[in-house]
Amino acid sequence: MKIKEILNLINNEVISRNNILNVDNEINNITTNLQTTNESDLVFYKIKNTPQSIEAFQERLNKSSPGLIIINRGMESVIKMTIVFL
């Protein structure tokens, strides 16, 4: 499924979107394991409101390259990533 098709399906729940440029890229896998992703992966990730959770997310994000990330809160530090906030 293409990223734009996924975005159309979840559009009513989206709070904001960042840097979604390659909407025609195919997503072939859905995961919650951020650190092992590549451009064909959609990642669902929950960030708790603790410094440890935010730091863990940042570390895992730096080691990965997901096609699309859907997270539960906005974060200034990920403004350049392909992320949807729900």
N, C-alpha and C. Protein backbone atom coordinates (compact mmCIF):
# COMPACT_ATOMS: atom_id res chain seq x y z
N MET A 1 0.85 -1.17 0.00
CA MET A 1 0.00 0.00 0.00
C MET A 1 0.90 1.23 0.00
N LYS A 2 0.52 2.23 -0.73
CA LYS A 2 1.29 3.48 -0.79
C LYS A 2 1.02 4.34 0.44
N ILE A 3 2.01 5.15 0.79
CA ILE A 3 1.89 6.03 1.95
C ILE A 3 0.66 6.92 1.83
N LYS A 4 0.40 7.45 0.63
CA LYS A 4 -0.76 8.33 0.48
C LYS A 4 -2.08 7.60 0.75
N GLU A 5 -2.15 6.32 0.44
CA GLU A 5 -3.36 5.54 0.74
C GLU A 5 -3.54 5.35 2.24
N ILE A 6 -2.44 5.12 2.94
CA ILE A 6 -2.49 5.00 4.40
C ILE A 6 -2.94 6.31 5.01
N LEU A 7 -2.37 7.42 4.54
CA LEU A 7 -2.75 8.73 5.07
C LEU A 7 -4.22 9.03 4.84
N ASN A 8 -4.74 8.63 3.70
CA ASN A 8 -6.17 8.83 3.43
C ASN A 8 -7.04 8.04 4.41
N LEU A 9 -6.59 6.84 4.77
CA LEU A 9 -7.37 6.00 5.69
C LEU A 9 -7.40 6.57 7.11
N ILE A 10 -6.33 7.19 7.54
CA ILE A 10 -6.25 7.68 8.92
C ILE A 10 -6.45 9.19 9.03
N ASN A 11 -6.78 9.83 7.95
CA ASN A 11 -6.84 11.29 7.89
C ASN A 11 -7.68 11.92 8.99
N ASN A 12 -8.80 11.33 9.35
CA ASN A 12 -9.68 11.92 10.37
C ASN A 12 -9.08 11.91 11.77
N GLU A 13 -8.07 11.09 12.00
CA GLU A 13 -7.45 10.97 13.33
C GLU A 13 -6.15 11.76 13.45
N VAL A 14 -5.65 12.28 12.36
CA VAL A 14 -4.34 12.94 12.35
C VAL A 14 -4.41 14.32 12.99
N ILE A 15 -3.49 14.57 13.93
CA ILE A 15 -3.37 15.89 14.55
C ILE A 15 -2.46 16.77 13.71
N SER A 16 -1.34 16.23 13.28
CA SER A 16 -0.44 16.97 12.40
C SER A 16 0.47 16.00 11.66
N ARG A 17 1.09 16.50 10.60
CA ARG A 17 1.99 15.70 9.78
C ARG A 17 3.27 16.49 9.56
N ASN A 18 4.35 15.77 9.45
CA ASN A 18 5.65 16.41 9.17
C ASN A 18 6.32 15.74 8.00
N ASN A 19 6.82 16.53 7.09
CA ASN A 19 7.79 16.10 6.09
C ASN A 19 7.36 14.87 5.29
N ILE A 20 6.12 14.78 4.91
CA ILE A 20 5.66 13.62 4.15
C ILE A 20 5.77 13.96 2.67
N LEU A 21 6.89 13.54 2.08
CA LEU A 21 7.20 13.92 0.71
C LEU A 21 7.00 12.78 -0.28
N ASN A 22 7.40 11.59 0.09
CA ASN A 22 7.38 10.46 -0.83
C ASN A 22 6.10 9.64 -0.66
N VAL A 23 4.98 10.25 -0.97
CA VAL A 23 3.69 9.60 -0.71
C VAL A 23 3.42 8.43 -1.65
N ASP A 24 4.20 8.29 -2.69
CA ASP A 24 4.01 7.16 -3.60
C ASP A 24 4.87 5.96 -3.25
N ASN A 25 5.69 6.07 -2.20
CA ASN A 25 6.48 4.92 -1.76
C ASN A 25 5.58 3.84 -1.21
N GLU A 26 5.97 2.60 -1.45
CA GLU A 26 5.21 1.44 -0.97
C GLU A 26 5.58 1.10 0.47
N ILE A 27 4.57 0.78 1.26
CA ILE A 27 4.77 0.26 2.61
C ILE A 27 4.46 -1.23 2.56
N ASN A 28 5.43 -2.06 2.94
CA ASN A 28 5.27 -3.51 2.86
C ASN A 28 5.23 -4.20 4.21
N ASN A 29 5.51 -3.44 5.27
CA ASN A 29 5.57 -4.04 6.59
C ASN A 29 5.07 -3.04 7.63
N ILE A 30 4.39 -3.53 8.64
CA ILE A 30 3.93 -2.72 9.77
C ILE A 30 4.57 -3.29 11.03
N THR A 31 5.15 -2.40 11.84
CA THR A 31 5.87 -2.86 13.02
C THR A 31 5.80 -1.83 14.15
N THR A 32 6.18 -2.25 15.33
CA THR A 32 6.38 -1.34 16.45
C THR A 32 7.85 -1.32 16.85
N ASN A 33 8.69 -2.04 16.11
CA ASN A 33 10.12 -2.14 16.39
C ASN A 33 10.87 -1.12 15.54
N LEU A 34 11.03 0.07 16.05
CA LEU A 34 11.59 1.18 15.29
C LEU A 34 13.02 0.95 14.84
N GLN A 35 13.87 0.37 15.67
CA GLN A 35 15.29 0.34 15.39
C GLN A 35 15.71 -0.55 14.22
N THR A 36 14.83 -1.39 13.70
CA THR A 36 15.21 -2.28 12.60
C THR A 36 14.47 -1.96 11.30
N THR A 37 13.97 -0.75 11.17
CA THR A 37 13.12 -0.42 10.03
C THR A 37 13.90 0.08 8.82
N ASN A 38 13.19 0.05 7.67
CA ASN A 38 13.71 0.64 6.45
C ASN A 38 12.59 1.39 5.75
N GLU A 39 12.86 1.89 4.55
CA GLU A 39 11.93 2.78 3.84
C GLU A 39 10.58 2.14 3.51
N SER A 40 10.50 0.82 3.57
CA SER A 40 9.22 0.16 3.25
C SER A 40 8.41 -0.20 4.49
N ASP A 41 8.81 0.33 5.65
CA ASP A 41 8.15 0.01 6.91
C ASP A 41 7.31 1.17 7.44
N LEU A 42 6.15 0.82 7.96
CA LEU A 42 5.30 1.73 8.73
C LEU A 42 5.48 1.36 10.19
N VAL A 43 5.81 2.36 11.02
CA VAL A 43 6.07 2.12 12.44
C VAL A 43 5.02 2.83 13.27
N PHE A 44 4.39 2.09 14.19
CA PHE A 44 3.55 2.67 15.22
C PHE A 44 4.41 2.73 16.48
N TYR A 45 4.50 3.91 17.09
CA TYR A 45 5.37 4.05 18.26
C TYR A 45 4.70 4.93 19.30
N LYS A 46 4.64 4.44 20.54
CA LYS A 46 4.05 5.21 21.64
C LYS A 46 5.17 5.79 22.49
N ILE A 47 5.12 7.11 22.66
CA ILE A 47 6.11 7.80 23.48
C ILE A 47 5.43 8.23 24.77
N LYS A 48 5.94 7.74 25.89
CA LYS A 48 5.42 8.15 27.19
C LYS A 48 5.94 9.54 27.51
N ASN A 49 5.32 10.20 28.43
CA ASN A 49 5.70 11.56 28.80
C ASN A 49 6.79 11.55 29.88
N THR A 50 7.90 10.87 29.55
CA THR A 50 9.04 10.84 30.46
C THR A 50 10.30 11.12 29.65
N PRO A 51 11.31 11.70 30.27
CA PRO A 51 12.57 11.94 29.55
C PRO A 51 13.20 10.66 29.01
N GLN A 52 13.09 9.56 29.75
CA GLN A 52 13.67 8.29 29.32
C GLN A 52 13.00 7.77 28.05
N SER A 53 11.68 7.89 27.98
CA SER A 53 10.95 7.44 26.81
C SER A 53 11.30 8.28 25.58
N ILE A 54 11.40 9.57 25.76
CA ILE A 54 11.75 10.47 24.65
C ILE A 54 13.17 10.19 24.19
N GLU A 55 14.08 9.98 25.12
CA GLU A 55 15.47 9.68 24.77
C GLU A 55 15.58 8.34 24.03
N ALA A 56 14.85 7.33 24.48
CA ALA A 56 14.86 6.02 23.82
C ALA A 56 14.34 6.14 22.39
N PHE A 57 13.27 6.91 22.21
CA PHE A 57 12.73 7.12 20.87
C PHE A 57 13.77 7.77 19.97
N GLN A 58 14.43 8.82 20.45
CA GLN A 58 15.44 9.52 19.66
C GLN A 58 16.59 8.59 19.27
N GLU A 59 17.07 7.80 20.22
CA GLU A 59 18.16 6.87 19.94
C GLU A 59 17.76 5.85 18.89
N ARG A 60 16.59 5.29 19.01
CA ARG A 60 16.11 4.28 18.06
C ARG A 60 15.87 4.90 16.69
N LEU A 61 15.34 6.11 16.68
CA LEU A 61 15.08 6.80 15.42
C LEU A 61 16.38 7.09 14.67
N ASN A 62 17.43 7.44 15.39
CA ASN A 62 18.73 7.72 14.77
C ASN A 62 19.35 6.49 14.12
N LYS A 63 18.93 5.30 14.53
CA LYS A 63 19.48 4.05 13.99
C LYS A 63 18.60 3.45 12.90
N SER A 64 17.55 4.15 12.51
CA SER A 64 16.58 3.57 11.57
C SER A 64 16.28 4.52 10.42
N SER A 65 15.51 4.01 9.47
CA SER A 65 15.08 4.85 8.34
C SER A 65 13.69 4.42 7.87
N PRO A 66 12.67 4.55 8.72
CA PRO A 66 11.32 4.08 8.36
C PRO A 66 10.69 4.92 7.26
N GLY A 67 9.80 4.29 6.51
CA GLY A 67 9.06 5.00 5.48
C GLY A 67 8.05 5.97 6.07
N LEU A 68 7.42 5.58 7.16
CA LEU A 68 6.42 6.41 7.83
C LEU A 68 6.35 6.00 9.29
N ILE A 69 6.30 7.00 10.17
CA ILE A 69 6.15 6.74 11.61
C ILE A 69 4.86 7.38 12.07
N ILE A 70 4.09 6.64 12.85
CA ILE A 70 2.88 7.18 13.47
C ILE A 70 3.12 7.14 14.97
N ILE A 71 3.13 8.34 15.60
CA ILE A 71 3.36 8.41 17.03
C ILE A 71 2.20 9.13 17.71
N ASN A 72 2.16 9.04 19.02
CA ASN A 72 1.02 9.53 19.80
C ASN A 72 1.18 10.96 20.28
N ARG A 73 2.26 11.64 19.95
CA ARG A 73 2.45 13.01 20.41
C ARG A 73 3.39 13.75 19.48
N GLY A 74 3.25 15.06 19.46
CA GLY A 74 4.14 15.88 18.67
C GLY A 74 5.47 16.06 19.36
N MET A 75 6.52 16.23 18.57
CA MET A 75 7.86 16.43 19.13
C MET A 75 8.63 17.37 18.22
N GLU A 76 9.12 18.45 18.77
CA GLU A 76 9.91 19.41 17.99
C GLU A 76 11.14 18.77 17.37
N SER A 77 11.75 17.84 18.06
CA SER A 77 13.01 17.27 17.60
C SER A 77 12.89 16.36 16.39
N VAL A 78 11.68 16.02 15.99
CA VAL A 78 11.51 15.12 14.84
C VAL A 78 10.84 15.84 13.68
N ILE A 79 10.96 17.14 13.64
CA ILE A 79 10.26 17.94 12.65
C ILE A 79 10.65 17.57 11.21
N LYS A 80 11.86 17.07 11.00
CA LYS A 80 12.32 16.75 9.65
C LYS A 80 12.06 15.31 9.25
N MET A 81 11.43 14.53 10.13
CA MET A 81 11.17 13.13 9.84
C MET A 81 9.78 12.97 9.21
N THR A 82 9.57 11.83 8.56
CA THR A 82 8.28 11.52 7.96
C THR A 82 7.39 10.92 9.04
N ILE A 83 6.64 11.78 9.72
CA ILE A 83 5.89 11.35 10.90
C ILE A 83 4.47 11.90 10.88
N VAL A 84 3.54 11.09 11.35
CA VAL A 84 2.16 11.48 11.56
C VAL A 84 1.92 11.43 13.07
N PHE A 85 1.31 12.47 13.61
CA PHE A 85 0.99 12.52 15.04
C PHE A 85 -0.50 12.25 15.22
N LEU A 86 -0.83 11.23 16.02
CA LEU A 86 -2.23 10.90 16.31
C LEU A 86 -2.54 11.22 17.74
